[in-house]
Amino acid sequence: IGYLVGAEVERARLENENAQLAGRLE
C-alpha cells in the first residue's frame, strides 16, 4: 500500500502547498 499510494500522497501534498502559497499571495 505504501508503494501504491506514494504518488497520490505526493501529488496531493504539492497541490496543498500550491493552494496555501496562492492563499498567502492573495
PDB file of all heavy atoms in Angstrom:
ATOM      1  N   ILE A   1       0.842  -1.201   0.000  1.00  0.00           N
ATOM      2  CA  ILE A   1       0.000   0.000   0.000  1.00  0.00           C
ATOM      3  C   ILE A   1       0.875   1.248   0.000  1.00  0.00           C
ATOM      4  O   ILE A   1       0.592   2.241  -0.674  1.00  0.00           O
ATOM      5  CB  ILE A   1      -0.949  -0.013   1.216  1.00  0.00           C
ATOM      6  CG1 ILE A   1      -1.982  -1.137   1.048  1.00  0.00           C
ATOM      7  CG2 ILE A   1      -1.654   1.331   1.369  1.00  0.00           C
ATOM      8  CD1 ILE A   1      -2.868  -1.344   2.255  1.00  0.00           C
ATOM      9  N   GLY A   2       1.982   1.196   0.772  1.00  0.00           N
ATOM     10  CA  GLY A   2       2.911   2.320   0.804  1.00  0.00           C
ATOM     11  C   GLY A   2       3.459   2.656  -0.567  1.00  0.00           C
ATOM     12  O   GLY A   2       3.634   3.831  -0.919  1.00  0.00           O
ATOM     13  N   TYR A   3       3.741   1.616  -1.375  1.00  0.00           N
ATOM     14  CA  TYR A   3       4.204   1.854  -2.752  1.00  0.00           C
ATOM     15  C   TYR A   3       3.079   2.433  -3.620  1.00  0.00           C
ATOM     16  O   TYR A   3       3.280   3.357  -4.402  1.00  0.00           O
ATOM     17  CB  TYR A   3       4.672   0.536  -3.381  1.00  0.00           C
ATOM     18  CG  TYR A   3       6.029   0.082  -2.906  1.00  0.00           C
ATOM     19  CD1 TYR A   3       6.158  -1.035  -2.084  1.00  0.00           C
ATOM     20  CD2 TYR A   3       7.198   0.745  -3.288  1.00  0.00           C
ATOM     21  CE1 TYR A   3       7.398  -1.469  -1.643  1.00  0.00           C
ATOM     22  CE2 TYR A   3       8.439   0.326  -2.848  1.00  0.00           C
ATOM     23  CZ  TYR A   3       8.534  -0.785  -2.029  1.00  0.00           C
ATOM     24  OH  TYR A   3       9.764  -1.208  -1.595  1.00  0.00           O
ATOM     25  N   LEU A   4       1.869   1.866  -3.463  1.00  0.00           N
ATOM     26  CA  LEU A   4       0.763   2.239  -4.344  1.00  0.00           C
ATOM     27  C   LEU A   4       0.280   3.673  -4.120  1.00  0.00           C
ATOM     28  O   LEU A   4      -0.121   4.361  -5.068  1.00  0.00           O
ATOM     29  CB  LEU A   4      -0.417   1.272  -4.151  1.00  0.00           C
ATOM     30  CG  LEU A   4      -0.205  -0.164  -4.651  1.00  0.00           C
ATOM     31  CD1 LEU A   4      -1.373  -1.040  -4.231  1.00  0.00           C
ATOM     32  CD2 LEU A   4      -0.056  -0.179  -6.173  1.00  0.00           C
ATOM     33  N   VAL A   5       0.298   4.118  -2.861  1.00  0.00           N
ATOM     34  CA  VAL A   5      -0.294   5.429  -2.563  1.00  0.00           C
ATOM     35  C   VAL A   5       0.733   6.564  -2.597  1.00  0.00           C
ATOM     36  O   VAL A   5       0.354   7.742  -2.518  1.00  0.00           O
ATOM     37  CB  VAL A   5      -0.987   5.435  -1.178  1.00  0.00           C
ATOM     38  CG1 VAL A   5      -2.029   4.347  -1.107  1.00  0.00           C
ATOM     39  CG2 VAL A   5       0.036   5.297  -0.043  1.00  0.00           C
ATOM     40  N   GLY A   6       2.016   6.227  -2.733  1.00  0.00           N
ATOM     41  CA  GLY A   6       3.057   7.246  -2.660  1.00  0.00           C
ATOM     42  C   GLY A   6       2.873   8.397  -3.627  1.00  0.00           C
ATOM     43  O   GLY A   6       2.965   9.577  -3.249  1.00  0.00           O
ATOM     44  N   ALA A   7       2.624   8.080  -4.889  1.00  0.00           N
ATOM     45  CA  ALA A   7       2.487   9.129  -5.907  1.00  0.00           C
ATOM     46  C   ALA A   7       1.279  10.021  -5.622  1.00  0.00           C
ATOM     47  O   ALA A   7       1.336  11.244  -5.789  1.00  0.00           O
ATOM     48  CB  ALA A   7       2.358   8.501  -7.291  1.00  0.00           C
ATOM     49  N   GLU A   8       0.181   9.412  -5.176  1.00  0.00           N
ATOM     50  CA  GLU A   8      -1.024  10.196  -4.896  1.00  0.00           C
ATOM     51  C   GLU A   8      -0.819  11.102  -3.682  1.00  0.00           C
ATOM     52  O   GLU A   8      -1.268  12.246  -3.664  1.00  0.00           O
ATOM     53  CB  GLU A   8      -2.212   9.256  -4.664  1.00  0.00           C
ATOM     54  CG  GLU A   8      -3.539   9.960  -4.450  1.00  0.00           C
ATOM     55  CD  GLU A   8      -3.975  10.764  -5.661  1.00  0.00           C
ATOM     56  OE1 GLU A   8      -3.481  10.517  -6.774  1.00  0.00           O
ATOM     57  OE2 GLU A   8      -4.820  11.667  -5.476  1.00  0.00           O
ATOM     58  N   VAL A   9      -0.134  10.589  -2.656  1.00  0.00           N
ATOM     59  CA  VAL A   9       0.157  11.414  -1.477  1.00  0.00           C
ATOM     60  C   VAL A   9       1.020  12.607  -1.865  1.00  0.00           C
ATOM     61  O   VAL A   9       0.774  13.744  -1.458  1.00  0.00           O
ATOM     62  CB  VAL A   9       0.860  10.579  -0.384  1.00  0.00           C
ATOM     63  CG1 VAL A   9       1.402  11.479   0.726  1.00  0.00           C
ATOM     64  CG2 VAL A   9      -0.104   9.560   0.199  1.00  0.00           C
ATOM     65  N   GLU A  10       2.038  12.359  -2.685  1.00  0.00           N
ATOM     66  CA  GLU A  10       2.934  13.441  -3.095  1.00  0.00           C
ATOM     67  C   GLU A  10       2.188  14.459  -3.960  1.00  0.00           C
ATOM     68  O   GLU A  10       2.377  15.673  -3.812  1.00  0.00           O
ATOM     69  CB  GLU A  10       4.125  12.861  -3.866  1.00  0.00           C
ATOM     70  CG  GLU A  10       5.164  13.881  -4.300  1.00  0.00           C
ATOM     71  CD  GLU A  10       5.904  14.546  -3.146  1.00  0.00           C
ATOM     72  OE1 GLU A  10       5.616  14.219  -1.975  1.00  0.00           O
ATOM     73  OE2 GLU A  10       6.763  15.409  -3.419  1.00  0.00           O
ATOM     74  N   ARG A  11       1.320  13.969  -4.852  1.00  0.00           N
ATOM     75  CA  ARG A  11       0.529  14.892  -5.691  1.00  0.00           C
ATOM     76  C   ARG A  11      -0.361  15.768  -4.824  1.00  0.00           C
ATOM     77  O   ARG A  11      -0.408  16.998  -4.989  1.00  0.00           O
ATOM     78  CB  ARG A  11      -0.341  14.096  -6.671  1.00  0.00           C
ATOM     79  CG  ARG A  11      -1.236  14.996  -7.540  1.00  0.00           C
ATOM     80  CD  ARG A  11      -2.422  14.248  -8.093  1.00  0.00           C
ATOM     81  NE  ARG A  11      -3.330  13.814  -7.051  1.00  0.00           N
ATOM     82  CZ  ARG A  11      -4.197  14.620  -6.435  1.00  0.00           C
ATOM     83  NH1 ARG A  11      -4.244  15.901  -6.728  1.00  0.00           N
ATOM     84  NH2 ARG A  11      -4.995  14.140  -5.498  1.00  0.00           N
ATOM     85  N   ALA A  12      -1.064  15.138  -3.877  1.00  0.00           N
ATOM     86  CA  ALA A  12      -1.968  15.899  -3.011  1.00  0.00           C
ATOM     87  C   ALA A  12      -1.189  16.895  -2.147  1.00  0.00           C
ATOM     88  O   ALA A  12      -1.647  18.014  -1.912  1.00  0.00           O
ATOM     89  CB  ALA A  12      -2.764  14.939  -2.129  1.00  0.00           C
ATOM     90  N   ARG A  13      -0.010  16.485  -1.686  1.00  0.00           N
ATOM     91  CA  ARG A  13       0.805  17.383  -0.864  1.00  0.00           C
ATOM     92  C   ARG A  13       1.228  18.619  -1.662  1.00  0.00           C
ATOM     93  O   ARG A  13       1.151  19.755  -1.173  1.00  0.00           O
ATOM     94  CB  ARG A  13       2.039  16.659  -0.339  1.00  0.00           C
ATOM     95  CG  ARG A  13       2.891  17.492   0.618  1.00  0.00           C
ATOM     96  CD  ARG A  13       4.193  16.789   0.960  1.00  0.00           C
ATOM     97  NE  ARG A  13       5.100  16.728  -0.183  1.00  0.00           N
ATOM     98  CZ  ARG A  13       5.882  17.724  -0.556  1.00  0.00           C
ATOM     99  NH1 ARG A  13       5.869  18.889   0.089  1.00  0.00           N
ATOM    100  NH2 ARG A  13       6.688  17.601  -1.607  1.00  0.00           N
ATOM    101  N   LEU A  14       1.679  18.391  -2.899  1.00  0.00           N
ATOM    102  CA  LEU A  14       2.117  19.514  -3.732  1.00  0.00           C
ATOM    103  C   LEU A  14       0.946  20.441  -4.062  1.00  0.00           C
ATOM    104  O   LEU A  14       1.091  21.671  -4.058  1.00  0.00           O
ATOM    105  CB  LEU A  14       2.762  18.980  -5.019  1.00  0.00           C
ATOM    106  CG  LEU A  14       4.112  18.271  -4.825  1.00  0.00           C
ATOM    107  CD1 LEU A  14       4.568  17.639  -6.133  1.00  0.00           C
ATOM    108  CD2 LEU A  14       5.168  19.240  -4.303  1.00  0.00           C
ATOM    109  N   GLU A  15      -0.214  19.864  -4.351  1.00  0.00           N
ATOM    110  CA  GLU A  15      -1.385  20.695  -4.633  1.00  0.00           C
ATOM    111  C   GLU A  15      -1.777  21.513  -3.401  1.00  0.00           C
ATOM    112  O   GLU A  15      -2.167  22.671  -3.509  1.00  0.00           O
ATOM    113  CB  GLU A  15      -2.566  19.814  -5.073  1.00  0.00           C
ATOM    114  CG  GLU A  15      -2.434  19.294  -6.494  1.00  0.00           C
ATOM    115  CD  GLU A  15      -3.711  18.639  -6.982  1.00  0.00           C
ATOM    116  OE1 GLU A  15      -4.688  18.600  -6.196  1.00  0.00           O
ATOM    117  OE2 GLU A  15      -3.736  18.171  -8.127  1.00  0.00           O
ATOM    118  N   ASN A  16      -1.672  20.884  -2.225  1.00  0.00           N
ATOM    119  CA  ASN A  16      -1.982  21.586  -0.985  1.00  0.00           C
ATOM    120  C   ASN A  16      -1.007  22.739  -0.758  1.00  0.00           C
ATOM    121  O   ASN A  16      -1.402  23.840  -0.374  1.00  0.00           O
ATOM    122  CB  ASN A  16      -1.923  20.603   0.186  1.00  0.00           C
ATOM    123  CG  ASN A  16      -2.402  21.211   1.487  1.00  0.00           C
ATOM    124  OD1 ASN A  16      -3.531  21.682   1.569  1.00  0.00           O
ATOM    125  ND2 ASN A  16      -1.545  21.207   2.507  1.00  0.00           N
ATOM    126  N   GLU A  17       0.274  22.485  -1.032  1.00  0.00           N
ATOM    127  CA  GLU A  17       1.285  23.531  -0.901  1.00  0.00           C
ATOM    128  C   GLU A  17       1.002  24.691  -1.854  1.00  0.00           C
ATOM    129  O   GLU A  17       1.115  25.860  -1.489  1.00  0.00           O
ATOM    130  CB  GLU A  17       2.684  22.960  -1.181  1.00  0.00           C
ATOM    131  CG  GLU A  17       3.330  22.301   0.009  1.00  0.00           C
ATOM    132  CD  GLU A  17       4.782  21.941  -0.260  1.00  0.00           C
ATOM    133  OE1 GLU A  17       5.300  22.298  -1.344  1.00  0.00           O
ATOM    134  OE2 GLU A  17       5.404  21.309   0.599  1.00  0.00           O
ATOM    135  N   ASN A  18       0.652  24.331  -3.100  1.00  0.00           N
ATOM    136  CA  ASN A  18       0.350  25.369  -4.087  1.00  0.00           C
ATOM    137  C   ASN A  18      -0.858  26.202  -3.672  1.00  0.00           C
ATOM    138  O   ASN A  18      -0.871  27.430  -3.832  1.00  0.00           O
ATOM    139  CB  ASN A  18       0.095  24.737  -5.462  1.00  0.00           C
ATOM    140  CG  ASN A  18       1.367  24.175  -6.077  1.00  0.00           C
ATOM    141  OD1 ASN A  18       2.468  24.607  -5.732  1.00  0.00           O
ATOM    142  ND2 ASN A  18       1.230  23.221  -6.973  1.00  0.00           N
ATOM    143  N   ALA A  19      -1.879  25.513  -3.130  1.00  0.00           N
ATOM    144  CA  ALA A  19      -3.080  26.231  -2.687  1.00  0.00           C
ATOM    145  C   ALA A  19      -2.746  27.169  -1.533  1.00  0.00           C
ATOM    146  O   ALA A  19      -3.226  28.308  -1.474  1.00  0.00           O
ATOM    147  CB  ALA A  19      -4.162  25.235  -2.272  1.00  0.00           C
ATOM    148  N   GLN A  20      -1.911  26.692  -0.603  1.00  0.00           N
ATOM    149  CA  GLN A  20      -1.527  27.538   0.528  1.00  0.00           C
ATOM    150  C   GLN A  20      -0.707  28.730   0.058  1.00  0.00           C
ATOM    151  O   GLN A  20      -0.871  29.852   0.553  1.00  0.00           O
ATOM    152  CB  GLN A  20      -0.742  26.715   1.552  1.00  0.00           C
ATOM    153  CG  GLN A  20      -1.586  25.696   2.305  1.00  0.00           C
ATOM    154  CD  GLN A  20      -0.766  24.900   3.306  1.00  0.00           C
ATOM    155  OE1 GLN A  20       0.467  24.864   3.230  1.00  0.00           O
ATOM    156  NE2 GLN A  20      -1.434  24.253   4.241  1.00  0.00           N
ATOM    157  N   LEU A  21       0.191  28.474  -0.887  1.00  0.00           N
ATOM    158  CA  LEU A  21       1.016  29.551  -1.426  1.00  0.00           C
ATOM    159  C   LEU A  21       0.151  30.601  -2.121  1.00  0.00           C
ATOM    160  O   LEU A  21       0.337  31.803  -1.927  1.00  0.00           O
ATOM    161  CB  LEU A  21       2.051  28.979  -2.410  1.00  0.00           C
ATOM    162  CG  LEU A  21       2.971  30.016  -3.082  1.00  0.00           C
ATOM    163  CD1 LEU A  21       3.782  30.771  -2.032  1.00  0.00           C
ATOM    164  CD2 LEU A  21       3.899  29.320  -4.084  1.00  0.00           C
ATOM    165  N   ALA A  22      -0.824  30.110  -2.915  1.00  0.00           N
ATOM    166  CA  ALA A  22      -1.725  31.042  -3.597  1.00  0.00           C
ATOM    167  C   ALA A  22      -2.517  31.863  -2.584  1.00  0.00           C
ATOM    168  O   ALA A  22      -2.727  33.068  -2.755  1.00  0.00           O
ATOM    169  CB  ALA A  22      -2.675  30.270  -4.516  1.00  0.00           C
ATOM    170  N   GLY A  23      -2.953  31.187  -1.502  1.00  0.00           N
ATOM    171  CA  GLY A  23      -3.687  31.887  -0.459  1.00  0.00           C
ATOM    172  C   GLY A  23      -2.838  32.952   0.217  1.00  0.00           C
ATOM    173  O   GLY A  23      -3.314  34.059   0.501  1.00  0.00           O
ATOM    174  N   ARG A  24      -1.568  32.624   0.486  1.00  0.00           N
ATOM    175  CA  ARG A  24      -0.673  33.599   1.118  1.00  0.00           C
ATOM    176  C   ARG A  24      -0.421  34.789   0.199  1.00  0.00           C
ATOM    177  O   ARG A  24      -0.334  35.939   0.648  1.00  0.00           O
ATOM    178  CB  ARG A  24       0.647  32.922   1.502  1.00  0.00           C
ATOM    179  CG  ARG A  24       0.536  32.002   2.709  1.00  0.00           C
ATOM    180  CD  ARG A  24       1.912  31.678   3.265  1.00  0.00           C
ATOM    181  NE  ARG A  24       2.708  30.887   2.351  1.00  0.00           N
ATOM    182  CZ  ARG A  24       2.739  29.550   2.328  1.00  0.00           C
ATOM    183  NH1 ARG A  24       1.971  28.878   3.179  1.00  0.00           N
ATOM    184  NH2 ARG A  24       3.493  28.903   1.477  1.00  0.00           N
ATOM    185  N   LEU A  25      -0.300  34.515  -1.112  1.00  0.00           N
ATOM    186  CA  LEU A  25      -0.083  35.606  -2.061  1.00  0.00           C
ATOM    187  C   LEU A  25      -1.287  36.536  -2.118  1.00  0.00           C
ATOM    188  O   LEU A  25      -1.150  37.761  -2.153  1.00  0.00           O
ATOM    189  CB  LEU A  25       0.220  35.037  -3.455  1.00  0.00           C
ATOM    190  CG  LEU A  25       1.592  34.370  -3.626  1.00  0.00           C
ATOM    191  CD1 LEU A  25       1.682  33.700  -4.983  1.00  0.00           C
ATOM    192  CD2 LEU A  25       2.712  35.396  -3.459  1.00  0.00           C
ATOM    193  N   GLU A  26      -2.474  35.946  -2.139  1.00  0.00           N
ATOM    194  CA  GLU A  26      -3.690  36.756  -2.157  1.00  0.00           C
ATOM    195  C   GLU A  26      -3.806  37.579  -0.881  1.00  0.00           C
ATOM    196  O   GLU A  26      -4.213  38.745  -0.907  1.00  0.00           O
ATOM    197  CB  GLU A  26      -4.921  35.854  -2.311  1.00  0.00           C
ATOM    198  CG  GLU A  26      -5.083  35.251  -3.696  1.00  0.00           C
ATOM    199  CD  GLU A  26      -5.208  36.317  -4.778  1.00  0.00           C
ATOM    200  OE1 GLU A  26      -5.968  37.291  -4.568  1.00  0.00           O
ATOM    201  OE2 GLU A  26      -4.530  36.195  -5.812  1.00  0.00           O
TER     202      GLU A  26
END
